[in-house]
Amino acid sequence: MSFSWAELFSIALIHFFAVASPGPDFAIVLKQALNQGRLAAIFTSLGIGFGILLHVTYSLVGIGIIIQTTPWLLSILLYVAAGYLIWIGVGALRSKANTSALTTASNTSKKSLLKSFGIGFLTNGLNPKATLFFLSLFTVAIAVETPTTHKIVYGLYMAVATALWFIAVSVTVTHSKVRVFYQQKGYLFDRAMGVVLIGMAILLLLT
């Protein structure tokens, strides 16, 4: 079966609107960019991209069907995801005034970058909305007869495109003028993001 560029285009279009819409991934990248600096945010973006590969993998090997037909598994994922967002949100609410953004941004040790990567991976990997998105994509938008190799290409595209999107966000929000403002009012932003993340967790539980 020849490669379907039309199918790839439709997937790319659907994926663009999904990744560009505000959600936990966007919130965590924004928080990392302004609180930890550009490099940490880039590693968080890479973690989110690898999180996409997790969703693609279980969709390809059939685990997605098990999740889709076993409501309690999806419920467990939902509660774990909500708990994780609340944990991050509470940490952000504890942000104190006079926190130096330049000091935190300079913390680019291997350990801190791996932690940033892990934050991105967990945020996306535990996102039940991402789970539902990929279950729908691989069962509805992608034809059953599409070869597995083509599906792998689609998955790799979405992982790379997601990482690049959030890297672009990271670079944009760490512009020098934005960072100067953050140095002065960063703790207020952290607290606001804490409220947003906790709000997202509550919405996950309610919906």
N, C-alpha and C. Protein backbone atom coordinates (compact mmCIF):
# COMPACT_ATOMS: atom_id res chain seq x y z
N MET A 1 0.84 -1.20 0.00
CA MET A 1 0.00 0.00 0.00
C MET A 1 0.87 1.24 0.00
N SER A 2 0.65 2.16 -0.96
CA SER A 2 1.47 3.37 -1.06
C SER A 2 1.17 4.33 0.09
N PHE A 3 2.17 5.14 0.41
CA PHE A 3 2.03 6.07 1.53
C PHE A 3 0.95 7.11 1.21
N SER A 4 0.07 7.36 2.18
CA SER A 4 -1.03 8.30 1.99
C SER A 4 -0.67 9.67 2.56
N TRP A 5 -0.28 10.58 1.67
CA TRP A 5 0.04 11.94 2.12
C TRP A 5 -1.22 12.67 2.57
N ALA A 6 -2.35 12.33 2.00
CA ALA A 6 -3.61 12.96 2.40
C ALA A 6 -3.95 12.59 3.84
N GLU A 7 -3.72 11.32 4.19
CA GLU A 7 -3.98 10.88 5.57
C GLU A 7 -3.03 11.57 6.53
N LEU A 8 -1.76 11.69 6.15
CA LEU A 8 -0.78 12.37 6.99
C LEU A 8 -1.16 13.83 7.19
N PHE A 9 -1.62 14.47 6.11
CA PHE A 9 -2.02 15.88 6.21
C PHE A 9 -3.19 16.05 7.17
N SER A 10 -4.18 15.17 7.07
CA SER A 10 -5.34 15.26 7.95
C SER A 10 -4.94 15.04 9.40
N ILE A 11 -4.02 14.09 9.64
CA ILE A 11 -3.53 13.83 10.99
C ILE A 11 -2.76 15.03 11.51
N ALA A 12 -1.92 15.62 10.64
CA ALA A 12 -1.13 16.79 11.02
C ALA A 12 -2.04 17.95 11.41
N LEU A 13 -3.12 18.13 10.67
CA LEU A 13 -4.06 19.21 10.95
C LEU A 13 -4.77 18.99 12.29
N ILE A 14 -5.25 17.78 12.50
CA ILE A 14 -5.91 17.44 13.76
C ILE A 14 -4.94 17.62 14.93
N HIS A 15 -3.72 17.13 14.73
CA HIS A 15 -2.71 17.20 15.78
C HIS A 15 -2.34 18.64 16.11
N PHE A 16 -2.26 19.49 15.09
CA PHE A 16 -1.91 20.89 15.32
C PHE A 16 -2.90 21.57 16.26
N PHE A 17 -4.19 21.39 15.98
CA PHE A 17 -5.20 22.02 16.82
C PHE A 17 -5.18 21.44 18.24
N ALA A 18 -4.85 20.15 18.34
CA ALA A 18 -4.79 19.52 19.66
C ALA A 18 -3.61 20.04 20.48
N VAL A 19 -2.44 20.12 19.83
CA VAL A 19 -1.24 20.52 20.57
C VAL A 19 -1.23 22.02 20.86
N ALA A 20 -1.89 22.81 20.00
CA ALA A 20 -1.89 24.26 20.19
C ALA A 20 -2.92 24.73 21.22
N SER A 21 -3.87 23.86 21.56
CA SER A 21 -4.89 24.24 22.53
C SER A 21 -4.30 24.21 23.94
N PRO A 22 -4.69 25.16 24.80
CA PRO A 22 -4.16 25.21 26.17
C PRO A 22 -4.47 23.93 26.94
N GLY A 23 -3.50 23.47 27.68
CA GLY A 23 -3.68 22.26 28.47
C GLY A 23 -2.52 22.09 29.42
N PRO A 24 -2.44 20.95 30.11
CA PRO A 24 -1.35 20.72 31.07
C PRO A 24 0.04 20.85 30.45
N ASP A 25 0.22 20.36 29.22
CA ASP A 25 1.53 20.45 28.57
C ASP A 25 1.96 21.91 28.41
N PHE A 26 1.05 22.73 27.90
CA PHE A 26 1.36 24.14 27.69
C PHE A 26 1.66 24.83 29.02
N ALA A 27 0.85 24.52 30.03
CA ALA A 27 1.02 25.16 31.33
C ALA A 27 2.37 24.81 31.95
N ILE A 28 2.77 23.54 31.85
CA ILE A 28 4.01 23.12 32.49
C ILE A 28 5.22 23.67 31.74
N VAL A 29 5.14 23.76 30.41
CA VAL A 29 6.25 24.35 29.65
C VAL A 29 6.39 25.82 29.97
N LEU A 30 5.27 26.52 30.07
CA LEU A 30 5.30 27.94 30.41
C LEU A 30 5.92 28.14 31.79
N LYS A 31 5.53 27.32 32.73
CA LYS A 31 6.06 27.43 34.10
C LYS A 31 7.55 27.13 34.11
N GLN A 32 7.96 26.08 33.42
CA GLN A 32 9.38 25.71 33.38
C GLN A 32 10.23 26.80 32.71
N ALA A 33 9.69 27.36 31.63
CA ALA A 33 10.43 28.38 30.88
C ALA A 33 10.71 29.61 31.73
N LEU A 34 9.71 30.07 32.45
CA LEU A 34 9.87 31.29 33.23
C LEU A 34 10.49 31.06 34.60
N ASN A 35 10.33 29.86 35.11
CA ASN A 35 10.86 29.59 36.44
C ASN A 35 12.26 28.98 36.41
N GLN A 36 12.52 28.10 35.44
CA GLN A 36 13.80 27.40 35.38
C GLN A 36 14.70 27.83 34.22
N GLY A 37 14.14 28.52 33.25
CA GLY A 37 14.95 28.99 32.13
C GLY A 37 14.71 28.23 30.84
N ARG A 38 15.29 28.75 29.77
CA ARG A 38 15.04 28.23 28.42
C ARG A 38 15.48 26.78 28.26
N LEU A 39 16.68 26.43 28.73
CA LEU A 39 17.19 25.08 28.51
C LEU A 39 16.34 24.04 29.23
N ALA A 40 15.93 24.36 30.45
CA ALA A 40 15.06 23.44 31.20
C ALA A 40 13.73 23.26 30.48
N ALA A 41 13.19 24.36 29.94
CA ALA A 41 11.91 24.28 29.21
C ALA A 41 12.05 23.45 27.94
N ILE A 42 13.20 23.56 27.28
CA ILE A 42 13.44 22.77 26.07
C ILE A 42 13.48 21.28 26.41
N PHE A 43 14.13 20.93 27.52
CA PHE A 43 14.17 19.53 27.93
C PHE A 43 12.79 19.05 28.35
N THR A 44 12.00 19.94 28.96
CA THR A 44 10.62 19.59 29.29
C THR A 44 9.83 19.32 28.01
N SER A 45 10.07 20.14 26.97
CA SER A 45 9.40 19.96 25.67
C SER A 45 9.79 18.62 25.04
N LEU A 46 11.07 18.26 25.16
CA LEU A 46 11.52 16.97 24.64
C LEU A 46 10.85 15.82 25.39
N GLY A 47 10.68 16.00 26.69
CA GLY A 47 9.98 14.98 27.49
C GLY A 47 8.55 14.81 27.04
N ILE A 48 7.90 15.91 26.71
CA ILE A 48 6.52 15.85 26.21
C ILE A 48 6.48 15.10 24.88
N GLY A 49 7.47 15.37 24.02
CA GLY A 49 7.55 14.66 22.74
C GLY A 49 7.69 13.16 22.93
N PHE A 50 8.51 12.74 23.90
CA PHE A 50 8.66 11.31 24.18
C PHE A 50 7.40 10.74 24.81
N GLY A 51 6.66 11.59 25.54
CA GLY A 51 5.38 11.16 26.07
C GLY A 51 4.41 10.79 24.96
N ILE A 52 4.48 11.54 23.85
CA ILE A 52 3.65 11.22 22.68
C ILE A 52 3.97 9.81 22.17
N LEU A 53 5.26 9.45 22.17
CA LEU A 53 5.66 8.12 21.70
C LEU A 53 5.05 7.03 22.59
N LEU A 54 4.88 7.32 23.87
CA LEU A 54 4.24 6.36 24.76
C LEU A 54 2.81 6.08 24.32
N HIS A 55 2.06 7.15 24.03
CA HIS A 55 0.68 7.00 23.57
C HIS A 55 0.62 6.25 22.24
N VAL A 56 1.55 6.60 21.35
CA VAL A 56 1.58 5.95 20.04
C VAL A 56 1.87 4.46 20.19
N THR A 57 2.80 4.13 21.08
CA THR A 57 3.20 2.73 21.27
C THR A 57 2.05 1.87 21.74
N TYR A 58 1.34 2.32 22.80
CA TYR A 58 0.26 1.45 23.30
C TYR A 58 -0.92 1.42 22.33
N SER A 59 -1.04 2.46 21.50
CA SER A 59 -2.10 2.43 20.49
C SER A 59 -1.77 1.42 19.40
N LEU A 60 -0.48 1.31 19.05
CA LEU A 60 -0.06 0.40 17.99
C LEU A 60 -0.10 -1.06 18.43
N VAL A 61 0.29 -1.33 19.68
CA VAL A 61 0.38 -2.72 20.11
C VAL A 61 -0.94 -3.28 20.64
N GLY A 62 -1.96 -2.43 20.66
CA GLY A 62 -3.28 -2.92 21.04
C GLY A 62 -3.67 -2.69 22.48
N ILE A 63 -2.75 -2.14 23.29
CA ILE A 63 -3.08 -1.87 24.69
C ILE A 63 -4.18 -0.81 24.77
N GLY A 64 -4.20 0.07 23.76
CA GLY A 64 -5.21 1.12 23.73
C GLY A 64 -6.62 0.54 23.73
N ILE A 65 -6.80 -0.59 23.05
CA ILE A 65 -8.12 -1.23 23.01
C ILE A 65 -8.52 -1.70 24.41
N ILE A 66 -7.52 -2.22 25.15
CA ILE A 66 -7.80 -2.68 26.52
C ILE A 66 -8.22 -1.50 27.39
N ILE A 67 -7.49 -0.38 27.26
CA ILE A 67 -7.81 0.81 28.04
C ILE A 67 -9.21 1.32 27.68
N GLN A 68 -9.49 1.29 26.37
CA GLN A 68 -10.75 1.82 25.87
C GLN A 68 -11.95 0.99 26.35
N THR A 69 -11.74 -0.30 26.52
CA THR A 69 -12.84 -1.19 26.90
C THR A 69 -12.83 -1.54 28.39
N THR A 70 -11.89 -0.96 29.14
CA THR A 70 -11.81 -1.20 30.59
C THR A 70 -11.87 0.13 31.32
N PRO A 71 -13.09 0.58 31.65
CA PRO A 71 -13.28 1.90 32.26
C PRO A 71 -12.46 2.14 33.52
N TRP A 72 -12.26 1.11 34.35
CA TRP A 72 -11.54 1.34 35.61
C TRP A 72 -10.07 1.66 35.38
N LEU A 73 -9.49 1.14 34.28
CA LEU A 73 -8.10 1.49 33.96
C LEU A 73 -8.00 2.97 33.61
N LEU A 74 -8.96 3.46 32.83
CA LEU A 74 -8.97 4.87 32.46
C LEU A 74 -9.22 5.74 33.69
N SER A 75 -10.03 5.25 34.61
CA SER A 75 -10.30 6.00 35.84
C SER A 75 -9.04 6.11 36.69
N ILE A 76 -8.27 5.03 36.78
CA ILE A 76 -7.02 5.06 37.53
C ILE A 76 -6.07 6.08 36.92
N LEU A 77 -5.95 6.06 35.59
CA LEU A 77 -5.09 7.02 34.89
C LEU A 77 -5.55 8.44 35.18
N LEU A 78 -6.85 8.65 35.20
CA LEU A 78 -7.41 9.98 35.43
C LEU A 78 -7.04 10.48 36.83
N TYR A 79 -7.20 9.63 37.84
CA TYR A 79 -6.90 10.04 39.22
C TYR A 79 -5.39 10.26 39.43
N VAL A 80 -4.58 9.42 38.81
CA VAL A 80 -3.12 9.61 38.91
C VAL A 80 -2.71 10.93 38.27
N ALA A 81 -3.28 11.21 37.09
CA ALA A 81 -2.97 12.45 36.38
C ALA A 81 -3.40 13.67 37.19
N ALA A 82 -4.60 13.61 37.75
CA ALA A 82 -5.11 14.73 38.56
C ALA A 82 -4.24 14.93 39.79
N GLY A 83 -3.85 13.83 40.43
CA GLY A 83 -2.99 13.94 41.61
C GLY A 83 -1.64 14.55 41.28
N TYR A 84 -1.10 14.18 40.12
CA TYR A 84 0.19 14.72 39.70
C TYR A 84 0.09 16.23 39.44
N LEU A 85 -0.96 16.66 38.77
CA LEU A 85 -1.15 18.09 38.49
C LEU A 85 -1.35 18.88 39.79
N ILE A 86 -2.08 18.30 40.73
CA ILE A 86 -2.29 18.96 42.01
C ILE A 86 -0.96 19.09 42.77
N TRP A 87 -0.15 18.05 42.72
CA TRP A 87 1.16 18.07 43.38
C TRP A 87 2.04 19.19 42.83
N ILE A 88 2.08 19.31 41.49
CA ILE A 88 2.86 20.39 40.87
C ILE A 88 2.26 21.75 41.22
N GLY A 89 0.93 21.82 41.18
CA GLY A 89 0.24 23.08 41.46
C GLY A 89 0.48 23.57 42.88
N VAL A 90 0.42 22.66 43.84
CA VAL A 90 0.66 23.04 45.24
C VAL A 90 2.09 23.55 45.41
N GLY A 91 3.03 22.90 44.72
CA GLY A 91 4.42 23.36 44.78
C GLY A 91 4.55 24.78 44.23
N ALA A 92 3.82 25.08 43.17
CA ALA A 92 3.86 26.42 42.58
C ALA A 92 3.23 27.45 43.51
N LEU A 93 2.18 27.06 44.22
CA LEU A 93 1.51 27.98 45.15
C LEU A 93 2.42 28.37 46.30
N ARG A 94 3.41 27.56 46.57
CA ARG A 94 4.34 27.85 47.66
C ARG A 94 5.47 28.79 47.25
N SER A 95 5.47 29.22 46.00
CA SER A 95 6.51 30.12 45.52
C SER A 95 6.53 31.40 46.34
N LYS A 96 7.74 31.84 46.71
CA LYS A 96 7.89 33.00 47.57
C LYS A 96 8.36 34.22 46.77
N ALA A 97 8.11 35.38 47.32
CA ALA A 97 8.53 36.63 46.69
C ALA A 97 10.05 36.73 46.69
N ASN A 98 10.56 37.58 45.78
CA ASN A 98 11.99 37.85 45.67
C ASN A 98 12.80 36.66 45.20
N THR A 99 12.13 35.72 44.52
CA THR A 99 12.85 34.60 43.93
C THR A 99 13.59 35.08 42.69
N SER A 100 14.89 34.79 42.61
CA SER A 100 15.69 35.26 41.48
C SER A 100 15.54 34.33 40.30
N ALA A 101 14.95 34.84 39.22
CA ALA A 101 14.76 34.02 38.01
C ALA A 101 16.09 33.69 37.35
N LEU A 102 17.06 34.63 37.45
CA LEU A 102 18.34 34.39 36.82
C LEU A 102 19.11 33.28 37.52
N THR A 103 18.96 33.20 38.82
CA THR A 103 19.64 32.16 39.57
C THR A 103 19.10 30.78 39.21
N THR A 104 17.78 30.66 39.17
CA THR A 104 17.20 29.37 38.84
C THR A 104 17.47 29.00 37.39
N ALA A 105 17.46 30.02 36.52
CA ALA A 105 17.68 29.74 35.10
C ALA A 105 19.07 29.23 34.83
N SER A 106 20.03 29.57 35.71
CA SER A 106 21.41 29.14 35.50
C SER A 106 21.64 27.71 35.97
N ASN A 107 20.66 27.15 36.64
CA ASN A 107 20.78 25.80 37.16
C ASN A 107 20.53 24.80 36.03
N THR A 108 21.59 24.50 35.28
CA THR A 108 21.44 23.64 34.11
C THR A 108 22.27 22.37 34.27
N SER A 109 22.36 21.85 35.48
CA SER A 109 23.09 20.61 35.71
C SER A 109 22.38 19.47 35.02
N LYS A 110 23.12 18.39 34.83
CA LYS A 110 22.55 17.21 34.17
C LYS A 110 21.35 16.69 34.94
N LYS A 111 21.44 16.72 36.27
CA LYS A 111 20.35 16.23 37.11
C LYS A 111 19.09 17.07 36.93
N SER A 112 19.26 18.40 36.90
CA SER A 112 18.09 19.27 36.76
C SER A 112 17.46 19.15 35.38
N LEU A 113 18.29 18.94 34.35
CA LEU A 113 17.75 18.79 33.00
C LEU A 113 17.00 17.47 32.85
N LEU A 114 17.52 16.42 33.47
CA LEU A 114 16.82 15.14 33.44
C LEU A 114 15.49 15.23 34.19
N LYS A 115 15.50 16.01 35.28
CA LYS A 115 14.26 16.23 36.03
C LYS A 115 13.25 16.97 35.16
N SER A 116 13.72 17.98 34.42
CA SER A 116 12.84 18.74 33.51
C SER A 116 12.26 17.82 32.44
N PHE A 117 13.11 16.95 31.90
CA PHE A 117 12.65 15.98 30.89
C PHE A 117 11.57 15.08 31.49
N GLY A 118 11.82 14.60 32.72
CA GLY A 118 10.86 13.72 33.38
C GLY A 118 9.53 14.40 33.65
N ILE A 119 9.58 15.69 34.01
CA ILE A 119 8.35 16.44 34.25
C ILE A 119 7.51 16.49 32.97
N GLY A 120 8.17 16.78 31.85
CA GLY A 120 7.45 16.83 30.58
C GLY A 120 6.88 15.48 30.19
N PHE A 121 7.68 14.43 30.37
CA PHE A 121 7.25 13.08 30.01
C PHE A 121 6.04 12.65 30.84
N LEU A 122 6.11 12.87 32.15
CA LEU A 122 5.01 12.47 33.03
C LEU A 122 3.76 13.29 32.78
N THR A 123 3.94 14.60 32.55
CA THR A 123 2.78 15.46 32.32
C THR A 123 2.00 15.01 31.10
N ASN A 124 2.71 14.68 30.03
CA ASN A 124 2.02 14.22 28.82
C ASN A 124 1.59 12.76 28.93
N GLY A 125 2.47 11.93 29.45
CA GLY A 125 2.18 10.50 29.52
C GLY A 125 1.00 10.16 30.41
N LEU A 126 0.78 10.99 31.45
CA LEU A 126 -0.32 10.74 32.38
C LEU A 126 -1.59 11.52 32.03
N ASN A 127 -1.54 12.28 30.95
CA ASN A 127 -2.68 13.10 30.57
C ASN A 127 -3.77 12.24 29.93
N PRO A 128 -4.89 12.02 30.62
CA PRO A 128 -5.94 11.16 30.07
C PRO A 128 -6.57 11.73 28.81
N LYS A 129 -6.53 13.07 28.64
CA LYS A 129 -7.05 13.65 27.41
C LYS A 129 -6.19 13.26 26.22
N ALA A 130 -4.87 13.18 26.45
CA ALA A 130 -3.97 12.73 25.39
C ALA A 130 -4.25 11.26 25.07
N THR A 131 -4.52 10.49 26.10
CA THR A 131 -4.87 9.07 25.90
C THR A 131 -6.10 8.94 25.01
N LEU A 132 -7.14 9.69 25.35
CA LEU A 132 -8.38 9.63 24.57
C LEU A 132 -8.16 10.13 23.15
N PHE A 133 -7.32 11.17 23.01
CA PHE A 133 -7.03 11.71 21.68
C PHE A 133 -6.41 10.64 20.78
N PHE A 134 -5.40 9.93 21.30
CA PHE A 134 -4.71 8.95 20.46
C PHE A 134 -5.55 7.70 20.24
N LEU A 135 -6.38 7.35 21.23
CA LEU A 135 -7.29 6.23 21.01
C LEU A 135 -8.25 6.55 19.87
N SER A 136 -8.76 7.78 19.86
CA SER A 136 -9.68 8.21 18.80
C SER A 136 -8.96 8.28 17.46
N LEU A 137 -7.74 8.83 17.49
CA LEU A 137 -6.98 9.01 16.25
C LEU A 137 -6.69 7.68 15.57
N PHE A 138 -6.25 6.69 16.36
CA PHE A 138 -5.84 5.42 15.78
C PHE A 138 -7.02 4.49 15.50
N THR A 139 -8.20 4.82 15.99
CA THR A 139 -9.36 3.97 15.71
C THR A 139 -10.35 4.61 14.74
N VAL A 140 -10.26 5.93 14.58
CA VAL A 140 -11.22 6.63 13.72
C VAL A 140 -10.54 7.33 12.56
N ALA A 141 -9.57 8.20 12.85
CA ALA A 141 -8.95 9.03 11.81
C ALA A 141 -8.02 8.23 10.90
N ILE A 142 -7.40 7.19 11.44
CA ILE A 142 -6.47 6.38 10.65
C ILE A 142 -7.17 5.10 10.21
N ALA A 143 -7.14 4.85 8.93
CA ALA A 143 -7.83 3.68 8.37
C ALA A 143 -7.27 2.37 8.93
N VAL A 144 -8.15 1.40 9.08
CA VAL A 144 -7.75 0.10 9.63
C VAL A 144 -6.69 -0.57 8.74
N GLU A 145 -6.84 -0.39 7.43
CA GLU A 145 -5.92 -1.05 6.50
C GLU A 145 -4.58 -0.34 6.37
N THR A 146 -4.39 0.80 7.04
CA THR A 146 -3.12 1.51 6.98
C THR A 146 -2.01 0.64 7.57
N PRO A 147 -0.92 0.41 6.84
CA PRO A 147 0.17 -0.43 7.35
C PRO A 147 0.77 0.12 8.65
N THR A 148 1.26 -0.79 9.48
CA THR A 148 1.85 -0.39 10.76
C THR A 148 3.03 0.55 10.56
N THR A 149 3.81 0.32 9.50
CA THR A 149 4.96 1.19 9.24
C THR A 149 4.51 2.63 9.00
N HIS A 150 3.39 2.81 8.32
CA HIS A 150 2.87 4.15 8.09
C HIS A 150 2.39 4.78 9.40
N LYS A 151 1.77 3.96 10.24
CA LYS A 151 1.31 4.46 11.53
C LYS A 151 2.48 4.90 12.40
N ILE A 152 3.60 4.17 12.30
CA ILE A 152 4.81 4.54 13.05
C ILE A 152 5.32 5.89 12.56
N VAL A 153 5.28 6.11 11.25
CA VAL A 153 5.70 7.40 10.69
C VAL A 153 4.81 8.52 11.22
N TYR A 154 3.50 8.27 11.27
CA TYR A 154 2.57 9.27 11.80
C TYR A 154 2.91 9.59 13.26
N GLY A 155 3.18 8.53 14.03
CA GLY A 155 3.50 8.71 15.44
C GLY A 155 4.78 9.50 15.64
N LEU A 156 5.80 9.18 14.86
CA LEU A 156 7.07 9.90 14.96
C LEU A 156 6.90 11.37 14.57
N TYR A 157 6.08 11.60 13.54
CA TYR A 157 5.80 12.98 13.14
C TYR A 157 5.18 13.76 14.28
N MET A 158 4.15 13.16 14.93
CA MET A 158 3.45 13.88 16.00
C MET A 158 4.36 14.12 17.20
N ALA A 159 5.25 13.17 17.49
CA ALA A 159 6.18 13.34 18.61
C ALA A 159 7.15 14.50 18.33
N VAL A 160 7.72 14.50 17.12
CA VAL A 160 8.67 15.55 16.75
C VAL A 160 7.98 16.91 16.66
N ALA A 161 6.79 16.93 16.03
CA ALA A 161 6.06 18.19 15.88
C ALA A 161 5.67 18.76 17.24
N THR A 162 5.27 17.90 18.17
CA THR A 162 4.90 18.36 19.50
C THR A 162 6.11 18.97 20.22
N ALA A 163 7.23 18.25 20.17
CA ALA A 163 8.45 18.76 20.82
C ALA A 163 8.87 20.10 20.22
N LEU A 164 8.83 20.22 18.90
CA LEU A 164 9.24 21.47 18.24
C LEU A 164 8.30 22.62 18.60
N TRP A 165 7.01 22.32 18.69
CA TRP A 165 6.03 23.35 19.06
C TRP A 165 6.35 23.93 20.44
N PHE A 166 6.58 23.04 21.39
CA PHE A 166 6.83 23.52 22.75
C PHE A 166 8.23 24.11 22.91
N ILE A 167 9.17 23.68 22.10
CA ILE A 167 10.48 24.33 22.09
C ILE A 167 10.33 25.77 21.61
N ALA A 168 9.50 25.95 20.58
CA ALA A 168 9.22 27.31 20.08
C ALA A 168 8.58 28.17 21.16
N VAL A 169 7.64 27.56 21.91
CA VAL A 169 7.01 28.27 23.03
C VAL A 169 8.06 28.65 24.07
N SER A 170 8.98 27.71 24.36
CA SER A 170 10.03 27.94 25.34
C SER A 170 10.92 29.12 24.95
N VAL A 171 11.30 29.15 23.69
CA VAL A 171 12.18 30.22 23.21
C VAL A 171 11.45 31.56 23.24
N THR A 172 10.18 31.55 22.88
CA THR A 172 9.40 32.79 22.82
C THR A 172 9.23 33.42 24.20
N VAL A 173 8.83 32.61 25.18
CA VAL A 173 8.51 33.17 26.50
C VAL A 173 9.74 33.45 27.34
N THR A 174 10.93 33.00 26.88
CA THR A 174 12.14 33.32 27.63
C THR A 174 12.90 34.49 27.01
N HIS A 175 12.20 35.27 26.20
CA HIS A 175 12.79 36.50 25.66
C HIS A 175 13.24 37.39 26.82
N SER A 176 14.28 38.15 26.61
CA SER A 176 14.88 38.96 27.69
C SER A 176 13.88 39.87 28.38
N LYS A 177 12.99 40.52 27.64
CA LYS A 177 12.02 41.43 28.24
C LYS A 177 11.04 40.67 29.15
N VAL A 178 10.66 39.47 28.70
CA VAL A 178 9.76 38.66 29.52
C VAL A 178 10.45 38.24 30.81
N ARG A 179 11.72 37.88 30.72
CA ARG A 179 12.46 37.43 31.90
C ARG A 179 12.67 38.57 32.89
N VAL A 180 12.88 39.78 32.40
CA VAL A 180 13.03 40.93 33.30
C VAL A 180 11.76 41.12 34.12
N PHE A 181 10.62 41.02 33.43
CA PHE A 181 9.35 41.14 34.13
C PHE A 181 9.18 40.01 35.14
N TYR A 182 9.59 38.81 34.75
CA TYR A 182 9.43 37.65 35.63
C TYR A 182 10.29 37.78 36.89
N GLN A 183 11.48 38.39 36.75
CA GLN A 183 12.33 38.61 37.91
C GLN A 183 11.61 39.41 38.98
N GLN A 184 10.77 40.33 38.54
CA GLN A 184 10.08 41.21 39.48
C GLN A 184 8.80 40.60 40.03
N LYS A 185 8.07 39.91 39.18
CA LYS A 185 6.74 39.39 39.57
C LYS A 185 6.63 37.87 39.41
N GLY A 186 7.76 37.19 39.39
CA GLY A 186 7.74 35.76 39.11
C GLY A 186 6.93 34.94 40.10
N TYR A 187 7.00 35.28 41.37
CA TYR A 187 6.29 34.49 42.37
C TYR A 187 4.77 34.56 42.17
N LEU A 188 4.30 35.73 41.68
CA LEU A 188 2.87 35.87 41.41
C LEU A 188 2.46 34.97 40.25
N PHE A 189 3.32 34.89 39.24
CA PHE A 189 3.04 34.02 38.10
C PHE A 189 3.03 32.56 38.55
N ASP A 190 4.00 32.17 39.38
CA ASP A 190 4.05 30.80 39.86
C ASP A 190 2.77 30.43 40.60
N ARG A 191 2.30 31.34 41.44
CA ARG A 191 1.08 31.08 42.19
C ARG A 191 -0.13 30.98 41.26
N ALA A 192 -0.15 31.85 40.25
CA ALA A 192 -1.25 31.80 39.28
C ALA A 192 -1.24 30.48 38.52
N MET A 193 -0.04 30.03 38.12
CA MET A 193 0.07 28.76 37.42
C MET A 193 -0.32 27.61 38.34
N GLY A 194 -0.04 27.74 39.63
CA GLY A 194 -0.46 26.72 40.58
C GLY A 194 -1.97 26.58 40.60
N VAL A 195 -2.66 27.72 40.59
CA VAL A 195 -4.12 27.72 40.56
C VAL A 195 -4.62 27.08 39.26
N VAL A 196 -3.97 27.42 38.14
CA VAL A 196 -4.36 26.87 36.84
C VAL A 196 -4.20 25.36 36.81
N LEU A 197 -3.06 24.87 37.29
CA LEU A 197 -2.79 23.43 37.27
C LEU A 197 -3.78 22.67 38.17
N ILE A 198 -4.05 23.21 39.34
CA ILE A 198 -5.02 22.58 40.24
C ILE A 198 -6.41 22.62 39.61
N GLY A 199 -6.73 23.74 38.94
CA GLY A 199 -8.01 23.85 38.24
C GLY A 199 -8.15 22.81 37.14
N MET A 200 -7.04 22.57 36.40
CA MET A 200 -7.06 21.55 35.37
C MET A 200 -7.28 20.15 35.96
N ALA A 201 -6.69 19.92 37.12
CA ALA A 201 -6.87 18.63 37.79
C ALA A 201 -8.33 18.43 38.18
N ILE A 202 -8.94 19.49 38.70
CA ILE A 202 -10.35 19.40 39.10
C ILE A 202 -11.24 19.16 37.88
N LEU A 203 -10.93 19.84 36.76
CA LEU A 203 -11.70 19.64 35.54
C LEU A 203 -11.58 18.21 35.03
N LEU A 204 -10.37 17.63 35.15
CA LEU A 204 -10.18 16.25 34.74
C LEU A 204 -11.10 15.32 35.54
N LEU A 205 -11.17 15.58 36.84
CA LEU A 205 -12.00 14.73 37.70
C LEU A 205 -13.48 14.91 37.43
N LEU A 206 -13.86 16.14 37.08
CA LEU A 206 -15.28 16.43 36.85
C LEU A 206 -15.78 15.94 35.50
N THR A 207 -14.87 15.93 34.50
CA THR A 207 -15.29 15.58 33.15
C THR A 207 -14.91 14.17 32.77
